[in-house]
Amino acid sequence: MPISVLWNSHTALTEENQSESDGHLQLLVKQFLPLTQSLRNYMTPQAILFDLDCTLIERRKSLHKYAERFIDDYRSQLDTHDVGSTAAFIIQADRGGYREEERYSEIASGLDWNSPPSPEEIKEHWWEFTPRDAVLMDDAVEVLDELQARRIRLGMVTNGSIRMQSKKIETLQIADYFRKIVISEQAGVDKPDPKIFRDALAGLDVAPEEAWFVGDHPEKDIMGAQRLGMRAFWMEGWQDWPDGLDVPHTTIRCLGDLLPFVPA
């Protein structure tokens, strides 16, 4: 066979192989580019959303403060005026904020009363004054300031009534940090319903994979956010993690633990 024919055959095979290689490369790029982008968003968020109670609010300190007011207001009806034991009982009855009606009955029957008020009266007192006694986590302001300085868009998603949650936010003077605040009564659904997260994300103009969520409740906060595609940070120390539930993406013990994950 003439050398020219061999050379032309070799060239054709080389060009065919190169074309096939280029096709494979383009396919790989097409497959892995979204993954690379998702990883970048996972590591560098455009937005971070927070739960309110037991995440931004230090609920135990808040209820200890409320216990002082409670004793003052019911002093003549209480036989015991010790703030420590009263606060411990109220915190136990509260169960992290997830026992709405049982809480008032337990306080009405469980404290050392000489003339106990009704559960309805305690409920009115609770709704009026616990928002006024809300206390921020120790490092909340420092963390929110730093995240703003790093140009992270901030949002809040909280279950509860507009009246109660809005008053807490007003007491804490933190509304200006957040571009979007969604309260479940306003949204018409509670966490972990995906709609409430989507409402917040839309207000921040970000996709789920571009956002992180920080919260304390395994199902309502963490699973709700993770199922939607957000990276979730579980604030441990408030709710036990249930057996059989998928592990959280990341676990933190305080808000300050979040900062090392956010690129400066």
Protein backbone atom coordinates (compact mmCIF):
# COMPACT_ATOMS: atom_id res chain seq x y z
CA MET A 1 0.00 0.00 0.00
CA PRO A 2 1.38 3.44 -0.94
CA ILE A 3 2.73 5.53 1.95
CA SER A 4 0.36 8.40 1.06
CA VAL A 5 -2.66 6.11 1.54
CA LEU A 6 -1.36 4.91 4.89
CA TRP A 7 -0.72 8.48 5.99
CA ASN A 8 -4.19 9.64 4.93
CA SER A 9 -5.78 6.69 6.76
CA HIS A 10 -3.78 7.49 9.87
CA THR A 11 -4.79 11.15 9.70
CA ALA A 12 -8.46 10.23 9.28
CA LEU A 13 -8.33 7.86 12.26
CA THR A 14 -6.54 10.50 14.36
CA GLU A 15 -9.15 13.13 13.48
CA GLU A 16 -11.96 10.65 14.23
CA ASN A 17 -10.43 9.78 17.60
CA GLN A 18 -9.94 13.45 18.40
CA SER A 19 -13.53 14.20 17.47
CA GLU A 20 -14.73 11.33 19.67
CA SER A 21 -12.50 12.55 22.51
CA ASP A 22 -13.85 16.10 22.15
CA GLY A 23 -17.38 14.72 22.28
CA HIS A 24 -16.64 12.85 25.48
CA LEU A 25 -15.06 15.94 26.99
CA GLN A 26 -18.07 18.08 26.11
CA LEU A 27 -20.37 15.47 27.65
CA LEU A 28 -18.30 15.41 30.84
CA VAL A 29 -18.34 19.20 31.04
CA LYS A 30 -22.10 19.22 30.50
CA GLN A 31 -22.56 16.64 33.25
CA PHE A 32 -20.19 18.07 35.80
CA LEU A 33 -20.69 21.83 35.34
CA PRO A 34 -23.99 21.85 37.25
CA LEU A 35 -22.37 19.72 39.96
CA THR A 36 -19.47 22.17 40.19
CA GLN A 37 -21.88 25.08 40.42
CA SER A 38 -23.90 23.31 43.11
CA LEU A 39 -20.72 22.62 45.08
CA ARG A 40 -19.72 26.27 44.78
CA ASN A 41 -23.14 27.35 46.07
CA TYR A 42 -22.90 24.72 48.83
CA MET A 43 -19.63 26.25 49.97
CA THR A 44 -20.43 29.93 49.29
CA PRO A 45 -24.06 30.90 49.91
CA GLN A 46 -25.81 33.84 48.34
CA ALA A 47 -28.24 33.89 51.27
CA ILE A 48 -28.60 32.47 54.78
CA LEU A 49 -32.00 32.00 56.41
CA PHE A 50 -32.57 31.62 60.15
CA ASP A 51 -35.21 30.19 62.42
CA LEU A 52 -36.16 32.52 65.30
CA ASP A 53 -36.80 30.69 68.59
CA CYS A 54 -33.89 28.61 69.92
CA THR A 55 -31.76 29.83 67.01
CA LEU A 56 -31.62 33.62 67.17
CA ILE A 57 -33.51 33.78 70.49
CA GLU A 58 -32.00 32.17 73.58
CA ARG A 59 -35.28 30.70 74.78
CA ARG A 60 -34.08 29.52 78.19
CA LYS A 61 -32.71 32.95 79.11
CA SER A 62 -35.87 34.54 77.75
CA LEU A 63 -38.08 32.35 79.94
CA HIS A 64 -35.87 32.98 82.97
CA LYS A 65 -36.44 36.68 82.43
CA TYR A 66 -40.16 36.04 82.01
CA ALA A 67 -40.19 34.04 85.27
CA GLU A 68 -39.03 37.14 87.16
CA ARG A 69 -41.97 39.10 85.75
CA PHE A 70 -44.33 36.17 86.36
CA ILE A 71 -43.44 36.03 90.07
CA ASP A 72 -43.89 39.79 90.45
CA ASP A 73 -47.30 39.72 88.76
CA TYR A 74 -48.57 36.66 90.68
CA ARG A 75 -46.70 37.21 93.96
CA SER A 76 -49.80 37.26 96.14
CA GLN A 77 -51.08 34.01 94.60
CA LEU A 78 -47.79 32.12 94.75
CA ASP A 79 -46.40 30.50 97.89
CA THR A 80 -42.93 30.18 96.35
CA HIS A 81 -41.08 33.21 94.97
CA ASP A 82 -37.80 31.57 93.99
CA VAL A 83 -36.90 32.67 90.45
CA GLY A 84 -34.59 29.74 89.72
CA SER A 85 -37.06 26.97 90.49
CA THR A 86 -39.96 28.84 88.89
CA ALA A 87 -37.96 29.45 85.71
CA ALA A 88 -36.90 25.79 85.60
CA PHE A 89 -40.54 24.69 85.89
CA ILE A 90 -41.71 27.10 83.17
CA ILE A 91 -38.89 26.00 80.85
CA GLN A 92 -39.83 22.36 81.42
CA ALA A 93 -43.51 23.06 80.75
CA ASP A 94 -42.61 24.98 77.58
CA ARG A 95 -40.67 22.07 75.98
CA GLY A 96 -38.85 24.41 73.62
CA GLY A 97 -42.05 26.11 72.48
CA TYR A 98 -43.78 23.03 71.08
CA ARG A 99 -46.54 22.51 73.71
CA GLU A 100 -48.88 25.44 73.21
CA GLU A 101 -52.00 24.47 75.17
CA GLU A 102 -50.44 21.92 77.55
CA ARG A 103 -47.98 24.58 78.70
CA TYR A 104 -50.63 26.78 80.35
CA SER A 105 -52.44 23.93 82.08
CA GLU A 106 -49.16 22.60 83.45
CA ILE A 107 -48.14 26.00 84.83
CA ALA A 108 -51.62 26.54 86.35
CA SER A 109 -51.55 23.17 88.12
CA GLY A 110 -47.87 22.57 88.77
CA LEU A 111 -46.55 25.64 90.58
CA ASP A 112 -47.00 26.18 94.32
CA TRP A 113 -50.16 28.28 94.25
CA ASN A 114 -52.41 29.37 97.09
CA SER A 115 -54.92 30.75 94.58
CA PRO A 116 -54.16 29.44 91.08
CA PRO A 117 -55.16 31.41 87.99
CA SER A 118 -56.89 29.64 85.13
CA PRO A 119 -54.92 28.29 82.16
CA GLU A 120 -56.69 30.92 80.03
CA GLU A 121 -55.38 33.73 82.25
CA ILE A 122 -51.86 32.34 82.12
CA LYS A 123 -52.14 32.10 78.34
CA GLU A 124 -53.08 35.80 78.12
CA HIS A 125 -50.15 36.71 80.39
CA TRP A 126 -47.79 34.56 78.31
CA TRP A 127 -48.85 36.08 75.01
CA GLU A 128 -48.59 39.58 76.38
CA PHE A 129 -45.22 39.36 78.09
CA THR A 130 -43.00 36.56 76.74
CA PRO A 131 -42.35 38.53 73.51
CA ARG A 132 -41.27 41.51 75.60
CA ASP A 133 -38.80 39.31 77.48
CA ALA A 134 -37.12 37.80 74.41
CA VAL A 135 -33.32 37.59 74.73
CA LEU A 136 -30.93 37.16 71.79
CA MET A 137 -28.28 34.48 71.61
CA ASP A 138 -25.03 35.87 72.99
CA ASP A 139 -23.29 36.07 69.61
CA ALA A 140 -26.30 36.87 67.42
CA VAL A 141 -25.55 40.54 66.73
CA GLU A 142 -21.87 39.85 66.04
CA VAL A 143 -22.74 37.08 63.57
CA LEU A 144 -25.46 39.08 61.78
CA ASP A 145 -23.13 42.08 61.48
CA GLU A 146 -20.36 39.92 60.04
CA LEU A 147 -22.64 38.20 57.53
CA GLN A 148 -23.89 41.57 56.33
CA ALA A 149 -20.30 42.75 55.98
CA ARG A 150 -19.66 39.69 53.79
CA ARG A 151 -22.65 40.71 51.62
CA ILE A 152 -24.74 37.68 52.46
CA ARG A 153 -28.48 38.21 52.01
CA LEU A 154 -30.29 37.33 55.24
CA GLY A 155 -33.77 35.95 55.76
CA MET A 156 -35.89 34.54 58.57
CA VAL A 157 -38.52 31.78 58.53
CA THR A 158 -40.43 31.22 61.77
CA ASN A 159 -43.48 29.26 62.82
CA GLY A 160 -45.99 31.12 64.96
CA SER A 161 -48.48 33.94 64.99
CA ILE A 162 -47.83 37.33 63.45
CA ARG A 163 -48.63 39.01 66.76
CA MET A 164 -46.23 36.91 68.83
CA GLN A 165 -43.30 36.63 66.44
CA SER A 166 -43.46 40.24 65.24
CA LYS A 167 -43.36 41.48 68.83
CA LYS A 168 -40.30 39.34 69.58
CA ILE A 169 -38.50 40.72 66.53
CA GLU A 170 -39.46 44.26 67.56
CA THR A 171 -38.20 43.66 71.10
CA LEU A 172 -34.87 42.34 69.80
CA GLN A 173 -34.51 45.19 67.25
CA ILE A 174 -33.20 42.88 64.54
CA ALA A 175 -35.69 43.41 61.70
CA ASP A 176 -33.30 45.62 59.71
CA TYR A 177 -30.83 42.76 59.30
CA PHE A 178 -33.27 40.73 57.20
CA ARG A 179 -34.34 41.32 53.61
CA LYS A 180 -37.19 38.85 54.02
CA ILE A 181 -39.06 37.64 57.11
CA VAL A 182 -41.75 34.98 56.72
CA ILE A 183 -44.05 34.08 59.64
CA SER A 184 -46.10 30.91 59.24
CA GLU A 185 -49.45 32.55 60.00
CA GLN A 186 -48.76 35.02 57.22
CA ALA A 187 -47.62 32.28 54.81
CA GLY A 188 -50.61 30.05 55.53
CA VAL A 189 -48.40 27.02 56.20
CA ASP A 190 -45.92 25.93 58.87
CA LYS A 191 -42.41 24.59 58.46
CA PRO A 192 -41.53 22.04 57.12
CA ASP A 193 -43.97 22.77 54.29
CA PRO A 194 -41.79 23.72 51.29
CA LYS A 195 -44.03 26.70 50.47
CA ILE A 196 -42.85 28.71 53.47
CA PHE A 197 -39.20 28.20 52.49
CA ARG A 198 -39.94 29.05 48.85
CA ASP A 199 -41.67 32.28 49.91
CA ALA A 200 -38.54 33.34 51.77
CA LEU A 201 -36.20 32.31 48.94
CA ALA A 202 -38.28 34.24 46.41
CA GLY A 203 -38.07 37.31 48.61
CA LEU A 204 -34.29 36.99 48.62
CA ASP A 205 -34.17 36.22 44.87
CA VAL A 206 -32.14 33.01 45.33
CA ALA A 207 -32.61 29.36 44.43
CA PRO A 208 -32.62 26.69 47.18
CA GLU A 209 -29.14 25.47 46.23
CA GLU A 210 -27.82 29.03 46.67
CA ALA A 211 -29.04 29.30 50.27
CA TRP A 212 -28.30 27.92 53.72
CA PHE A 213 -30.74 27.44 56.58
CA VAL A 214 -29.96 27.53 60.32
CA GLY A 215 -32.41 26.11 62.83
CA ASP A 216 -32.89 23.92 65.89
CA HIS A 217 -35.76 21.59 65.03
CA PRO A 218 -34.71 18.37 63.24
CA GLU A 219 -37.88 17.95 61.17
CA LYS A 220 -39.40 21.43 60.85
CA ASP A 221 -36.12 23.26 60.18
CA ILE A 222 -33.42 20.88 59.03
CA MET A 223 -35.32 18.27 57.05
CA GLY A 224 -37.61 20.92 55.61
CA ALA A 225 -34.64 22.88 54.27
CA GLN A 226 -32.61 19.86 53.13
CA ARG A 227 -35.50 18.32 51.20
CA LEU A 228 -35.82 21.54 49.23
CA GLY A 229 -32.12 21.52 48.34
CA MET A 230 -30.75 23.99 50.87
CA ARG A 231 -27.68 23.31 52.95
CA ALA A 232 -28.88 23.02 56.56
CA PHE A 233 -27.07 23.79 59.82
CA TRP A 234 -28.55 22.17 62.90
CA MET A 235 -28.26 24.19 66.11
CA GLU A 236 -27.95 21.33 68.57
CA GLY A 237 -28.69 21.54 72.28
CA TRP A 238 -32.40 22.38 72.00
CA GLN A 239 -34.10 19.36 70.42
CA ASP A 240 -32.97 15.73 70.40
CA TRP A 241 -32.19 14.29 66.98
CA PRO A 242 -34.69 11.47 66.30
CA ASP A 243 -33.46 7.96 65.54
CA GLY A 244 -33.90 7.05 61.90
CA LEU A 245 -33.92 10.62 60.61
CA ASP A 246 -31.28 11.54 58.02
CA VAL A 247 -28.28 13.24 59.61
CA PRO A 248 -28.04 17.02 59.21
CA HIS A 249 -25.61 18.45 56.67
CA THR A 250 -23.72 20.34 59.38
CA THR A 251 -24.05 20.63 63.17
CA ILE A 252 -23.21 23.75 65.18
CA ARG A 253 -23.54 24.58 68.87
CA CYS A 254 -23.73 28.37 68.59
CA LEU A 255 -24.24 30.95 65.86
CA GLY A 256 -20.56 31.85 65.92
CA ASP A 257 -19.76 28.32 64.69
CA LEU A 258 -21.38 29.31 61.38
CA LEU A 259 -18.83 31.97 60.44
CA PRO A 260 -15.85 29.69 59.61
CA PHE A 261 -18.00 28.02 56.93
CA VAL A 262 -18.70 31.35 55.18
CA PRO A 263 -15.87 32.63 52.95
CA ALA A 264 -14.67 36.06 54.05
